Amino acid sequence: MEYPIYTVLGILVIIYLFFLMLNRNKSKKRKSKKFMEDYRREDRKEKEN
């Protein structure tokens, strides 16, 4: 352990990359879902009138 600062920075980079990959996977799952699939605004407006 001649250079402890480089060891600490290396560990922080590894943790950062881990969280980056984790968040990327979660966002892909969110994007794959159909957003507001059954939402029909026009139908609701017609019923109110």
N, C-alpha and C. Protein backbone atom coordinates (compact mmCIF):
# COMPACT_ATOMS: atom_id res chain seq x y z
N MET A 1 0.85 -1.18 0.00
CA MET A 1 0.00 0.00 0.00
C MET A 1 0.89 1.24 0.00
N GLU A 2 1.55 1.44 -1.09
CA GLU A 2 2.44 2.59 -1.18
C GLU A 2 1.68 3.87 -1.50
N TYR A 3 0.59 3.73 -2.28
CA TYR A 3 -0.19 4.89 -2.68
C TYR A 3 -1.65 4.71 -2.26
N PRO A 4 -2.00 5.01 -1.01
CA PRO A 4 -3.38 4.77 -0.54
C PRO A 4 -4.41 5.66 -1.24
N ILE A 5 -4.01 6.84 -1.66
CA ILE A 5 -4.98 7.72 -2.32
C ILE A 5 -5.46 7.13 -3.64
N TYR A 6 -4.56 6.47 -4.38
CA TYR A 6 -4.94 5.84 -5.64
C TYR A 6 -5.84 4.64 -5.40
N THR A 7 -5.62 3.94 -4.31
CA THR A 7 -6.47 2.80 -3.96
C THR A 7 -7.89 3.28 -3.66
N VAL A 8 -7.99 4.34 -2.87
CA VAL A 8 -9.30 4.88 -2.51
C VAL A 8 -10.01 5.41 -3.76
N LEU A 9 -9.30 6.13 -4.60
CA LEU A 9 -9.91 6.65 -5.83
C LEU A 9 -10.35 5.52 -6.76
N GLY A 10 -9.57 4.47 -6.83
CA GLY A 10 -9.94 3.31 -7.65
C GLY A 10 -11.22 2.67 -7.16
N ILE A 11 -11.35 2.52 -5.85
CA ILE A 11 -12.57 1.93 -5.27
C ILE A 11 -13.78 2.82 -5.56
N LEU A 12 -13.59 4.15 -5.44
CA LEU A 12 -14.69 5.07 -5.72
C LEU A 12 -15.12 5.01 -7.18
N VAL A 13 -14.17 4.85 -8.08
CA VAL A 13 -14.50 4.74 -9.51
C VAL A 13 -15.28 3.46 -9.77
N ILE A 14 -14.88 2.38 -9.15
CA ILE A 14 -15.59 1.11 -9.32
C ILE A 14 -17.01 1.22 -8.80
N ILE A 15 -17.21 1.85 -7.64
CA ILE A 15 -18.55 2.03 -7.08
C ILE A 15 -19.39 2.92 -8.01
N TYR A 16 -18.79 3.98 -8.54
CA TYR A 16 -19.49 4.88 -9.46
C TYR A 16 -19.95 4.13 -10.71
N LEU A 17 -19.08 3.33 -11.29
CA LEU A 17 -19.44 2.57 -12.48
C LEU A 17 -20.54 1.55 -12.20
N PHE A 18 -20.51 0.96 -11.01
CA PHE A 18 -21.55 0.00 -10.62
C PHE A 18 -22.91 0.68 -10.58
N PHE A 19 -22.98 1.84 -9.92
CA PHE A 19 -24.26 2.55 -9.84
C PHE A 19 -24.69 3.07 -11.20
N LEU A 20 -23.77 3.45 -12.05
CA LEU A 20 -24.09 3.90 -13.39
C LEU A 20 -24.75 2.79 -14.20
N MET A 21 -24.21 1.59 -14.13
CA MET A 21 -24.80 0.46 -14.84
C MET A 21 -26.15 0.08 -14.24
N LEU A 22 -26.28 0.15 -12.93
CA LEU A 22 -27.53 -0.19 -12.26
C LEU A 22 -28.63 0.76 -12.69
N ASN A 23 -28.34 2.05 -12.72
CA ASN A 23 -29.34 3.04 -13.13
C ASN A 23 -29.68 2.90 -14.61
N ARG A 24 -28.73 2.56 -15.43
CA ARG A 24 -29.00 2.39 -16.86
C ARG A 24 -29.96 1.23 -17.08
N ASN A 25 -29.79 0.14 -16.32
CA ASN A 25 -30.69 -1.00 -16.46
C ASN A 25 -32.10 -0.64 -16.02
N LYS A 26 -32.23 0.14 -14.95
CA LYS A 26 -33.55 0.54 -14.48
C LYS A 26 -34.24 1.44 -15.48
N SER A 27 -33.50 2.35 -16.11
CA SER A 27 -34.12 3.25 -17.08
C SER A 27 -34.55 2.49 -18.33
N LYS A 28 -33.81 1.46 -18.71
CA LYS A 28 -34.21 0.65 -19.86
C LYS A 28 -35.51 -0.08 -19.57
N LYS A 29 -35.67 -0.56 -18.35
CA LYS A 29 -36.91 -1.25 -17.99
C LYS A 29 -38.08 -0.27 -18.03
N ARG A 30 -37.86 0.96 -17.56
CA ARG A 30 -38.92 1.95 -17.58
C ARG A 30 -39.30 2.32 -19.01
N LYS A 31 -38.32 2.47 -19.88
CA LYS A 31 -38.60 2.85 -21.27
C LYS A 31 -39.30 1.74 -22.03
N SER A 32 -39.08 0.50 -21.64
CA SER A 32 -39.68 -0.61 -22.37
C SER A 32 -41.17 -0.75 -22.07
N LYS A 33 -41.63 -0.22 -20.94
CA LYS A 33 -43.05 -0.28 -20.62
C LYS A 33 -43.81 0.72 -21.48
N LYS A 34 -45.00 0.38 -21.84
CA LYS A 34 -45.82 1.32 -22.60
C LYS A 34 -46.38 2.35 -21.62
N PHE A 35 -46.11 3.59 -21.89
CA PHE A 35 -46.51 4.66 -20.98
C PHE A 35 -47.96 5.05 -21.23
N MET A 36 -48.75 5.01 -20.19
CA MET A 36 -50.16 5.39 -20.24
C MET A 36 -50.87 4.65 -21.37
N GLU A 37 -50.76 3.37 -21.37
CA GLU A 37 -51.27 2.54 -22.46
C GLU A 37 -52.79 2.65 -22.63
N ASP A 38 -53.52 2.62 -21.54
CA ASP A 38 -54.99 2.60 -21.61
C ASP A 38 -55.62 3.96 -21.37
N TYR A 39 -54.85 5.00 -21.48
CA TYR A 39 -55.36 6.35 -21.20
C TYR A 39 -56.09 6.88 -22.43
N ARG A 40 -57.35 7.25 -22.25
CA ARG A 40 -58.14 7.78 -23.37
C ARG A 40 -58.80 9.07 -22.93
N ARG A 41 -58.15 10.16 -23.18
CA ARG A 41 -58.64 11.46 -22.76
C ARG A 41 -59.87 11.89 -23.57
N GLU A 42 -59.90 11.59 -24.86
CA GLU A 42 -60.99 12.00 -25.71
C GLU A 42 -62.31 11.37 -25.24
N ASP A 43 -62.25 10.10 -24.86
CA ASP A 43 -63.46 9.41 -24.41
C ASP A 43 -64.03 10.06 -23.17
N ARG A 44 -63.19 10.47 -22.27
CA ARG A 44 -63.64 11.07 -21.02
C ARG A 44 -64.28 12.42 -21.28
N LYS A 45 -63.73 13.19 -22.19
CA LYS A 45 -64.29 14.50 -22.51
C LYS A 45 -65.67 14.37 -23.15
N GLU A 46 -65.85 13.38 -23.99
CA GLU A 46 -67.13 13.18 -24.64
C GLU A 46 -68.21 12.80 -23.63
N LYS A 47 -67.86 12.03 -22.62
CA LYS A 47 -68.83 11.62 -21.60
C LYS A 47 -69.26 12.80 -20.74
N GLU A 48 -68.36 13.76 -20.50
CA GLU A 48 -68.69 14.91 -19.67
C GLU A 48 -69.65 15.85 -20.39
N ASN A 49 -69.55 15.94 -21.71
CA ASN A 49 -70.42 16.87 -22.46
C ASN A 49 -71.75 16.31 -22.73
